[in-house]
Amino acid sequence: MTVTAGGLILHAPAAQAATTGDSARTSTANAATAATTGRSVKVTTARSAKSARIARQKAKASTAVAVAKNQIGDPYRYGAEGPGSFDCSGLVQFAWKKAGVKLPRVASSQFARARNKVSWRSLKPGDLMFFNGLGHVGMYVGKGKMIHSPRTGERVRIDKLGGWRRSSFVGAVRPGL
């Protein structure tokens, strides 16, 4: 059998080989495109997963801040975990628990066990801020303020982060990430 291809006359076995060669080249090109696309899909998927994780953390942080704000006016009581009265670490533990995040009980453990450390400049609402050699913790609520349960005789309140707080700042963590 004879086949005409582009002005050339080919016999059947040669025509089949030429056609097979073209399809092999096309298959190779398609495989290369698929491999490249596969890599970009993996990168896009990883970015999407990270974005989703950050969005979930932000939603949890918003819940934790709202819960903590609802405790404004509750009295400080050493070792108290609420509801009704809190010490500093009990307040942030209670708020984050309501947001679905488990935290250790005491401030030093809350700092030590958290993987996501944050600088003063990178603070976002919901971040836990530690002071006085890890002896005190509060929750950043935004706009240069934090909510905390200060000490015996005081009540849960929001304070500005002024000079003294800045000088006694040890570090901060971002729970729920």
N, C-alpha and C. Protein backbone atom coordinates (compact mmCIF):
# COMPACT_ATOMS: atom_id res chain seq x y z
N MET A 1 0.85 -1.16 0.00
CA MET A 1 0.00 0.00 0.00
C MET A 1 0.90 1.23 0.00
N THR A 2 0.49 2.25 -0.75
CA THR A 2 1.27 3.45 -0.89
C THR A 2 0.47 4.63 -0.36
N VAL A 3 1.12 5.51 0.40
CA VAL A 3 0.46 6.68 0.97
C VAL A 3 1.24 7.91 0.54
N THR A 4 0.51 8.97 0.19
CA THR A 4 1.16 10.22 -0.20
C THR A 4 1.13 11.15 1.00
N ALA A 5 2.29 11.65 1.40
CA ALA A 5 2.37 12.55 2.55
C ALA A 5 3.24 13.73 2.19
N GLY A 6 2.62 14.89 2.02
CA GLY A 6 3.39 16.09 1.71
C GLY A 6 4.19 15.98 0.45
N GLY A 7 3.64 15.34 -0.56
CA GLY A 7 4.33 15.21 -1.82
C GLY A 7 5.26 14.02 -1.88
N LEU A 8 5.44 13.30 -0.79
CA LEU A 8 6.28 12.12 -0.79
C LEU A 8 5.40 10.88 -0.89
N ILE A 9 5.92 9.93 -1.54
CA ILE A 9 5.18 8.67 -1.63
C ILE A 9 5.83 7.71 -0.67
N LEU A 10 5.03 7.20 0.25
CA LEU A 10 5.53 6.29 1.26
C LEU A 10 4.80 4.98 1.15
N HIS A 11 5.51 3.93 1.40
CA HIS A 11 4.88 2.63 1.45
C HIS A 11 4.33 2.45 2.85
N ALA A 12 3.39 1.59 3.05
CA ALA A 12 2.66 1.41 4.30
C ALA A 12 3.56 1.30 5.53
N PRO A 13 4.60 0.44 5.54
CA PRO A 13 5.42 0.36 6.76
C PRO A 13 6.10 1.69 7.08
N ALA A 14 6.57 2.42 6.10
CA ALA A 14 7.23 3.71 6.35
C ALA A 14 6.22 4.74 6.80
N ALA A 15 4.99 4.72 6.21
CA ALA A 15 3.94 5.66 6.59
C ALA A 15 3.56 5.44 8.05
N GLN A 16 3.48 4.16 8.44
CA GLN A 16 3.13 3.85 9.83
C GLN A 16 4.21 4.34 10.78
N ALA A 17 5.47 4.18 10.43
CA ALA A 17 6.58 4.63 11.26
C ALA A 17 6.59 6.14 11.38
N ALA A 18 6.32 6.85 10.29
CA ALA A 18 6.29 8.31 10.31
C ALA A 18 5.16 8.79 11.22
N THR A 19 4.01 8.17 11.09
CA THR A 19 2.87 8.54 11.91
C THR A 19 3.15 8.24 13.38
N THR A 20 3.75 7.08 13.66
CA THR A 20 4.10 6.70 15.03
C THR A 20 5.12 7.67 15.60
N GLY A 21 6.09 8.09 14.82
CA GLY A 21 7.11 9.04 15.26
C GLY A 21 6.49 10.37 15.62
N ASP A 22 5.52 10.84 14.81
CA ASP A 22 4.83 12.09 15.11
C ASP A 22 4.05 11.99 16.40
N SER A 23 3.36 10.87 16.60
CA SER A 23 2.57 10.72 17.82
C SER A 23 3.48 10.56 19.03
N ALA A 24 4.64 9.96 18.86
CA ALA A 24 5.58 9.82 19.97
C ALA A 24 6.11 11.19 20.38
N ARG A 25 6.42 12.03 19.36
CA ARG A 25 6.88 13.38 19.68
C ARG A 25 5.77 14.16 20.38
N THR A 26 4.55 14.01 19.93
CA THR A 26 3.42 14.70 20.54
C THR A 26 3.21 14.21 21.97
N SER A 27 3.33 12.90 22.18
CA SER A 27 3.18 12.34 23.52
C SER A 27 4.26 12.87 24.45
N THR A 28 5.49 12.96 23.95
CA THR A 28 6.59 13.47 24.76
C THR A 28 6.35 14.93 25.12
N ALA A 29 5.88 15.72 24.16
CA ALA A 29 5.59 17.13 24.42
C ALA A 29 4.45 17.25 25.44
N ASN A 30 3.43 16.41 25.31
CA ASN A 30 2.32 16.44 26.25
C ASN A 30 2.77 16.05 27.65
N ALA A 31 3.66 15.07 27.74
CA ALA A 31 4.17 14.63 29.04
C ALA A 31 4.97 15.75 29.70
N ALA A 32 5.79 16.46 28.92
CA ALA A 32 6.58 17.56 29.46
C ALA A 32 5.66 18.67 29.97
N THR A 33 4.62 18.98 29.19
CA THR A 33 3.66 19.99 29.61
C THR A 33 2.97 19.56 30.89
N ALA A 34 2.57 18.31 30.96
CA ALA A 34 1.89 17.79 32.15
C ALA A 34 2.80 17.85 33.37
N ALA A 35 4.08 17.54 33.18
CA ALA A 35 5.01 17.58 34.30
C ALA A 35 5.16 19.01 34.81
N THR A 36 5.27 19.96 33.91
CA THR A 36 5.39 21.36 34.29
C THR A 36 4.11 21.81 34.98
N THR A 37 3.00 21.46 34.42
CA THR A 37 1.71 21.82 35.01
C THR A 37 1.57 21.16 36.37
N GLY A 38 2.02 19.93 36.52
CA GLY A 38 1.95 19.23 37.80
C GLY A 38 2.73 19.97 38.87
N ARG A 39 3.91 20.49 38.53
CA ARG A 39 4.70 21.24 39.49
C ARG A 39 3.99 22.52 39.89
N SER A 40 3.43 23.21 38.91
CA SER A 40 2.73 24.45 39.25
C SER A 40 1.47 24.17 40.06
N VAL A 41 0.83 23.04 39.81
CA VAL A 41 -0.35 22.67 40.59
C VAL A 41 0.07 22.40 42.03
N LYS A 42 1.21 21.73 42.24
CA LYS A 42 1.69 21.46 43.59
C LYS A 42 2.01 22.75 44.32
N VAL A 43 2.66 23.70 43.64
CA VAL A 43 3.01 24.98 44.26
C VAL A 43 1.74 25.74 44.60
N THR A 44 0.79 25.76 43.66
CA THR A 44 -0.47 26.44 43.90
C THR A 44 -1.23 25.80 45.05
N THR A 45 -1.23 24.48 45.11
CA THR A 45 -1.90 23.77 46.19
C THR A 45 -1.26 24.09 47.53
N ALA A 46 0.06 24.15 47.58
CA ALA A 46 0.76 24.47 48.82
C ALA A 46 0.42 25.89 49.27
N ARG A 47 0.37 26.81 48.33
CA ARG A 47 0.02 28.20 48.67
C ARG A 47 -1.41 28.27 49.16
N SER A 48 -2.30 27.54 48.51
CA SER A 48 -3.70 27.53 48.93
C SER A 48 -3.85 26.96 50.33
N ALA A 49 -3.12 25.90 50.61
CA ALA A 49 -3.18 25.28 51.94
C ALA A 49 -2.67 26.26 52.99
N LYS A 50 -1.59 26.97 52.70
CA LYS A 50 -1.04 27.94 53.65
C LYS A 50 -2.02 29.08 53.86
N SER A 51 -2.62 29.57 52.79
CA SER A 51 -3.60 30.64 52.90
C SER A 51 -4.80 30.21 53.73
N ALA A 52 -5.25 28.99 53.52
CA ALA A 52 -6.39 28.47 54.28
C ALA A 52 -6.03 28.34 55.76
N ARG A 53 -4.82 27.88 56.06
CA ARG A 53 -4.37 27.72 57.45
C ARG A 53 -4.31 29.10 58.14
N ILE A 54 -3.80 30.09 57.42
CA ILE A 54 -3.72 31.45 57.97
C ILE A 54 -5.11 32.02 58.20
N ALA A 55 -6.03 31.77 57.28
CA ALA A 55 -7.41 32.25 57.44
C ALA A 55 -8.08 31.59 58.64
N ARG A 56 -7.85 30.29 58.84
CA ARG A 56 -8.42 29.60 60.00
C ARG A 56 -7.86 30.17 61.30
N GLN A 57 -6.55 30.44 61.33
CA GLN A 57 -5.93 31.00 62.53
C GLN A 57 -6.49 32.38 62.81
N LYS A 58 -6.68 33.18 61.78
CA LYS A 58 -7.21 34.53 61.95
C LYS A 58 -8.63 34.48 62.52
N ALA A 59 -9.44 33.55 62.05
CA ALA A 59 -10.80 33.40 62.56
C ALA A 59 -10.78 32.96 64.03
N LYS A 60 -9.89 32.03 64.36
CA LYS A 60 -9.77 31.59 65.76
C LYS A 60 -9.29 32.73 66.65
N ALA A 61 -8.33 33.51 66.15
CA ALA A 61 -7.82 34.64 66.92
C ALA A 61 -8.91 35.66 67.17
N SER A 62 -9.73 35.91 66.18
CA SER A 62 -10.84 36.84 66.33
C SER A 62 -11.81 36.37 67.41
N THR A 63 -12.08 35.07 67.42
CA THR A 63 -12.95 34.48 68.45
C THR A 63 -12.32 34.63 69.83
N ALA A 64 -11.03 34.33 69.93
CA ALA A 64 -10.33 34.42 71.22
C ALA A 64 -10.36 35.85 71.75
N VAL A 65 -10.14 36.83 70.88
CA VAL A 65 -10.17 38.24 71.31
C VAL A 65 -11.58 38.61 71.79
N ALA A 66 -12.59 38.18 71.05
CA ALA A 66 -13.97 38.48 71.45
C ALA A 66 -14.31 37.86 72.80
N VAL A 67 -13.89 36.62 73.02
CA VAL A 67 -14.14 35.95 74.30
C VAL A 67 -13.42 36.69 75.43
N ALA A 68 -12.18 37.06 75.20
CA ALA A 68 -11.41 37.78 76.23
C ALA A 68 -12.07 39.13 76.55
N LYS A 69 -12.54 39.84 75.53
CA LYS A 69 -13.20 41.12 75.75
C LYS A 69 -14.49 40.96 76.56
N ASN A 70 -15.15 39.84 76.39
CA ASN A 70 -16.36 39.58 77.19
C ASN A 70 -16.06 39.40 78.67
N GLN A 71 -14.81 39.19 79.01
CA GLN A 71 -14.42 38.98 80.41
C GLN A 71 -13.99 40.28 81.08
N ILE A 72 -14.00 41.39 80.36
CA ILE A 72 -13.60 42.67 80.95
C ILE A 72 -14.44 42.95 82.19
N GLY A 73 -13.76 43.30 83.26
CA GLY A 73 -14.43 43.57 84.53
C GLY A 73 -14.41 42.40 85.50
N ASP A 74 -14.09 41.19 85.00
CA ASP A 74 -13.99 40.04 85.90
C ASP A 74 -12.76 40.22 86.81
N PRO A 75 -12.86 39.81 88.07
CA PRO A 75 -11.73 40.03 88.99
C PRO A 75 -10.57 39.07 88.75
N TYR A 76 -9.37 39.56 89.12
CA TYR A 76 -8.18 38.71 89.14
C TYR A 76 -8.27 37.81 90.36
N ARG A 77 -7.94 36.55 90.16
CA ARG A 77 -7.79 35.63 91.29
C ARG A 77 -6.67 34.66 90.92
N TYR A 78 -5.66 34.58 91.76
CA TYR A 78 -4.51 33.72 91.48
C TYR A 78 -4.97 32.29 91.21
N GLY A 79 -4.51 31.71 90.10
CA GLY A 79 -4.80 30.33 89.73
C GLY A 79 -6.17 30.13 89.09
N ALA A 80 -6.94 31.19 88.94
CA ALA A 80 -8.30 31.06 88.40
C ALA A 80 -8.29 30.94 86.88
N GLU A 81 -9.13 30.03 86.38
CA GLU A 81 -9.24 29.77 84.95
C GLU A 81 -10.60 30.16 84.40
N GLY A 82 -11.42 30.87 85.20
CA GLY A 82 -12.73 31.31 84.77
C GLY A 82 -13.76 30.20 84.83
N PRO A 83 -14.95 30.44 84.46
CA PRO A 83 -15.47 31.79 84.16
C PRO A 83 -15.71 32.56 85.46
N GLY A 84 -15.72 33.84 85.36
CA GLY A 84 -16.00 34.68 86.51
C GLY A 84 -14.79 35.34 87.13
N SER A 85 -13.66 34.66 87.16
CA SER A 85 -12.42 35.26 87.64
C SER A 85 -11.25 34.54 86.96
N PHE A 86 -10.15 35.28 86.83
CA PHE A 86 -9.00 34.77 86.07
C PHE A 86 -7.70 35.29 86.65
N ASP A 87 -6.64 34.52 86.44
CA ASP A 87 -5.30 35.10 86.52
C ASP A 87 -4.88 35.34 85.07
N CYS A 88 -3.69 35.86 84.84
CA CYS A 88 -3.32 36.26 83.48
C CYS A 88 -3.30 35.09 82.50
N SER A 89 -2.66 34.00 82.87
CA SER A 89 -2.57 32.86 81.95
C SER A 89 -3.89 32.11 81.85
N GLY A 90 -4.68 32.16 82.90
CA GLY A 90 -6.00 31.54 82.86
C GLY A 90 -6.93 32.24 81.89
N LEU A 91 -6.81 33.56 81.80
CA LEU A 91 -7.63 34.34 80.87
C LEU A 91 -7.34 33.97 79.41
N VAL A 92 -6.05 33.95 79.05
CA VAL A 92 -5.73 33.66 77.64
C VAL A 92 -6.00 32.19 77.32
N GLN A 93 -5.78 31.31 78.29
CA GLN A 93 -6.09 29.90 78.08
C GLN A 93 -7.59 29.72 77.85
N PHE A 94 -8.42 30.37 78.67
CA PHE A 94 -9.88 30.30 78.56
C PHE A 94 -10.34 30.82 77.19
N ALA A 95 -9.83 31.97 76.78
CA ALA A 95 -10.24 32.59 75.51
C ALA A 95 -9.88 31.71 74.32
N TRP A 96 -8.66 31.22 74.31
CA TRP A 96 -8.23 30.38 73.17
C TRP A 96 -8.93 29.02 73.19
N LYS A 97 -9.26 28.51 74.36
CA LYS A 97 -9.99 27.24 74.43
C LYS A 97 -11.36 27.39 73.78
N LYS A 98 -12.02 28.53 74.02
CA LYS A 98 -13.31 28.80 73.38
C LYS A 98 -13.18 28.92 71.87
N ALA A 99 -11.99 29.25 71.41
CA ALA A 99 -11.72 29.35 69.97
C ALA A 99 -11.27 28.01 69.39
N GLY A 100 -11.16 26.99 70.24
CA GLY A 100 -10.79 25.65 69.77
C GLY A 100 -9.31 25.34 69.80
N VAL A 101 -8.54 26.12 70.56
CA VAL A 101 -7.09 25.90 70.64
C VAL A 101 -6.71 25.62 72.08
N LYS A 102 -6.02 24.51 72.30
CA LYS A 102 -5.60 24.13 73.65
C LYS A 102 -4.23 24.76 73.95
N LEU A 103 -4.15 25.42 75.10
CA LEU A 103 -2.89 26.02 75.55
C LEU A 103 -2.52 25.45 76.92
N PRO A 104 -1.22 25.42 77.24
CA PRO A 104 -0.81 25.01 78.58
C PRO A 104 -1.36 26.00 79.63
N ARG A 105 -1.32 25.64 80.88
CA ARG A 105 -1.94 26.42 81.93
C ARG A 105 -1.16 27.67 82.33
N VAL A 106 0.16 27.59 82.47
CA VAL A 106 0.93 28.73 83.00
C VAL A 106 1.66 29.47 81.89
N ALA A 107 1.93 30.75 82.13
CA ALA A 107 2.51 31.63 81.12
C ALA A 107 3.83 31.10 80.55
N SER A 108 4.72 30.65 81.41
CA SER A 108 6.02 30.19 80.92
C SER A 108 5.87 28.99 79.99
N SER A 109 4.94 28.09 80.28
CA SER A 109 4.69 26.94 79.40
C SER A 109 4.00 27.36 78.12
N GLN A 110 3.13 28.35 78.19
CA GLN A 110 2.46 28.85 76.99
C GLN A 110 3.49 29.40 76.01
N PHE A 111 4.49 30.09 76.54
CA PHE A 111 5.54 30.63 75.67
C PHE A 111 6.46 29.52 75.16
N ALA A 112 6.88 28.65 76.04
CA ALA A 112 7.86 27.62 75.70
C ALA A 112 7.32 26.62 74.67
N ARG A 113 6.06 26.26 74.76
CA ARG A 113 5.50 25.22 73.88
C ARG A 113 4.98 25.74 72.56
N ALA A 114 4.87 27.04 72.43
CA ALA A 114 4.37 27.60 71.17
C ALA A 114 5.46 27.59 70.11
N ARG A 115 5.12 27.13 68.92
CA ARG A 115 6.09 27.05 67.83
C ARG A 115 6.24 28.37 67.09
N ASN A 116 5.19 29.16 67.07
CA ASN A 116 5.18 30.37 66.24
C ASN A 116 5.47 31.62 67.06
N LYS A 117 6.76 31.94 67.20
CA LYS A 117 7.18 33.13 67.93
C LYS A 117 6.98 34.35 67.02
N VAL A 118 6.66 35.49 67.64
CA VAL A 118 6.34 36.70 66.90
C VAL A 118 7.09 37.87 67.51
N SER A 119 7.55 38.79 66.67
CA SER A 119 8.23 39.98 67.16
C SER A 119 7.20 41.05 67.54
N TRP A 120 7.66 42.06 68.28
CA TRP A 120 6.81 43.18 68.68
C TRP A 120 6.17 43.83 67.45
N ARG A 121 6.95 44.01 66.41
CA ARG A 121 6.46 44.68 65.19
C ARG A 121 5.49 43.84 64.37
N SER A 122 5.49 42.55 64.58
CA SER A 122 4.64 41.65 63.79
C SER A 122 3.36 41.23 64.52
N LEU A 123 3.06 41.88 65.63
CA LEU A 123 1.90 41.48 66.43
C LEU A 123 0.59 41.63 65.65
N LYS A 124 -0.29 40.64 65.85
CA LYS A 124 -1.63 40.66 65.29
C LYS A 124 -2.61 40.32 66.40
N PRO A 125 -3.86 40.77 66.27
CA PRO A 125 -4.84 40.45 67.32
C PRO A 125 -4.90 38.95 67.61
N GLY A 126 -4.91 38.65 68.91
CA GLY A 126 -4.93 37.25 69.36
C GLY A 126 -3.56 36.74 69.79
N ASP A 127 -2.49 37.41 69.38
CA ASP A 127 -1.15 36.99 69.79
C ASP A 127 -0.98 37.15 71.29
N LEU A 128 -0.27 36.23 71.89
CA LEU A 128 0.02 36.29 73.32
C LEU A 128 1.34 37.01 73.54
N MET A 129 1.32 37.98 74.44
CA MET A 129 2.50 38.79 74.73
C MET A 129 2.96 38.47 76.15
N PHE A 130 4.28 38.28 76.31
CA PHE A 130 4.82 37.88 77.60
C PHE A 130 5.74 38.97 78.15
N PHE A 131 5.65 39.17 79.46
CA PHE A 131 6.38 40.23 80.14
C PHE A 131 7.01 39.71 81.42
N ASN A 132 7.86 40.53 82.01
CA ASN A 132 8.46 40.24 83.33
C ASN A 132 9.09 38.87 83.40
N GLY A 133 9.96 38.54 82.48
CA GLY A 133 10.63 37.23 82.51
C GLY A 133 9.66 36.08 82.43
N LEU A 134 8.64 36.18 81.63
CA LEU A 134 7.57 35.19 81.44
C LEU A 134 6.65 35.07 82.65
N GLY A 135 6.65 36.08 83.51
CA GLY A 135 5.78 36.06 84.69
C GLY A 135 4.40 36.62 84.43
N HIS A 136 4.18 37.21 83.27
CA HIS A 136 2.87 37.79 82.96
C HIS A 136 2.58 37.63 81.47
N VAL A 137 1.30 37.40 81.15
CA VAL A 137 0.89 37.25 79.76
C VAL A 137 -0.39 38.06 79.53
N GLY A 138 -0.48 38.63 78.35
CA GLY A 138 -1.68 39.32 77.91
C GLY A 138 -1.92 38.98 76.46
N MET A 139 -3.08 39.40 75.94
CA MET A 139 -3.42 39.12 74.54
C MET A 139 -3.51 40.43 73.78
N TYR A 140 -2.77 40.50 72.67
CA TYR A 140 -2.81 41.68 71.83
C TYR A 140 -4.19 41.79 71.18
N VAL A 141 -4.80 42.98 71.22
CA VAL A 141 -6.12 43.17 70.63
C VAL A 141 -6.09 44.14 69.45
N GLY A 142 -4.91 44.65 69.11
CA GLY A 142 -4.77 45.57 67.99
C GLY A 142 -4.63 47.01 68.47
N LYS A 143 -4.20 47.86 67.56
CA LYS A 143 -4.06 49.31 67.82
C LYS A 143 -3.23 49.64 69.04
N GLY A 144 -2.17 48.85 69.27
CA GLY A 144 -1.26 49.14 70.38
C GLY A 144 -1.84 48.86 71.75
N LYS A 145 -2.78 47.91 71.85
CA LYS A 145 -3.40 47.60 73.13
C LYS A 145 -3.43 46.10 73.37
N MET A 146 -3.52 45.75 74.65
CA MET A 146 -3.65 44.33 75.03
C MET A 146 -4.70 44.19 76.12
N ILE A 147 -5.27 43.01 76.20
CA ILE A 147 -6.20 42.68 77.28
C ILE A 147 -5.49 41.71 78.20
N HIS A 148 -5.67 41.92 79.51
CA HIS A 148 -5.01 41.04 80.47
C HIS A 148 -5.71 41.12 81.81
N SER A 149 -5.36 40.21 82.67
CA SER A 149 -5.82 40.21 84.06
C SER A 149 -4.58 40.54 84.89
N PRO A 150 -4.45 41.81 85.31
CA PRO A 150 -3.17 42.30 85.84
C PRO A 150 -2.65 41.69 87.13
N ARG A 151 -3.39 41.79 88.23
CA ARG A 151 -2.87 41.33 89.53
C ARG A 151 -4.00 41.37 90.56
N THR A 152 -3.73 40.86 91.73
CA THR A 152 -4.70 40.85 92.82
C THR A 152 -5.24 42.26 93.06
N GLY A 153 -6.55 42.35 93.21
CA GLY A 153 -7.20 43.63 93.45
C GLY A 153 -7.60 44.35 92.17
N GLU A 154 -7.16 43.85 91.02
CA GLU A 154 -7.48 44.46 89.73
C GLU A 154 -8.48 43.58 88.99
N ARG A 155 -8.98 44.09 87.88
CA ARG A 155 -9.95 43.37 87.05
C ARG A 155 -9.44 43.26 85.62
N VAL A 156 -9.97 42.31 84.88
CA VAL A 156 -9.60 42.15 83.47
C VAL A 156 -9.87 43.47 82.76
N ARG A 157 -8.88 43.94 81.99
CA ARG A 157 -9.02 45.22 81.31
C ARG A 157 -8.12 45.29 80.08
N ILE A 158 -8.35 46.32 79.29
CA ILE A 158 -7.51 46.60 78.13
C ILE A 158 -6.59 47.76 78.49
N ASP A 159 -5.28 47.58 78.24
CA ASP A 159 -4.29 48.62 78.51
C ASP A 159 -3.50 48.93 77.24
N LYS A 160 -3.01 50.17 77.17
CA LYS A 160 -2.12 50.56 76.08
C LYS A 160 -0.75 49.94 76.33
N LEU A 161 -0.06 49.66 75.25
CA LEU A 161 1.28 49.10 75.35
C LEU A 161 2.28 50.25 75.30
N GLY A 162 2.57 50.81 76.45
CA GLY A 162 3.46 51.95 76.54
C GLY A 162 4.90 51.55 76.81
N GLY A 163 5.68 52.52 77.27
CA GLY A 163 7.11 52.35 77.50
C GLY A 163 7.47 51.25 78.48
N TRP A 164 6.77 51.20 79.63
CA TRP A 164 7.10 50.17 80.62
C TRP A 164 6.84 48.78 80.07
N ARG A 165 5.72 48.61 79.38
CA ARG A 165 5.41 47.30 78.79
C ARG A 165 6.47 46.93 77.76
N ARG A 166 6.86 47.88 76.97
CA ARG A 166 7.87 47.62 75.94
C ARG A 166 9.19 47.19 76.58
N SER A 167 9.55 47.84 77.67
CA SER A 167 10.84 47.52 78.31
C SER A 167 10.83 46.18 79.02
N SER A 168 9.66 45.70 79.43
CA SER A 168 9.60 44.41 80.12
C SER A 168 9.13 43.27 79.19
N PHE A 169 8.98 43.57 77.91
CA PHE A 169 8.52 42.59 76.92
C PHE A 169 9.57 41.51 76.72
N VAL A 170 9.14 40.25 76.81
CA VAL A 170 10.03 39.09 76.63
C VAL A 170 9.87 38.51 75.23
N GLY A 171 8.64 38.41 74.77
CA GLY A 171 8.37 37.83 73.46
C GLY A 171 6.88 37.63 73.27
N ALA A 172 6.53 37.14 72.09
CA ALA A 172 5.12 36.89 71.78
C ALA A 172 5.01 35.62 70.94
N VAL A 173 3.83 35.02 70.98
CA VAL A 173 3.56 33.81 70.20
C VAL A 173 2.21 33.96 69.52
N ARG A 174 2.04 33.21 68.44
CA ARG A 174 0.78 33.20 67.70
C ARG A 174 0.16 31.81 67.80
N PRO A 175 -0.80 31.62 68.71
CA PRO A 175 -1.44 30.31 68.86
C PRO A 175 -2.34 29.99 67.66
N GLY A 176 -2.62 28.72 67.51
CA GLY A 176 -3.60 28.28 66.53
C GLY A 176 -3.13 28.18 65.11
N LEU A 177 -1.83 28.31 64.87
CA LEU A 177 -1.33 28.23 63.50
C LEU A 177 -0.79 26.86 63.20
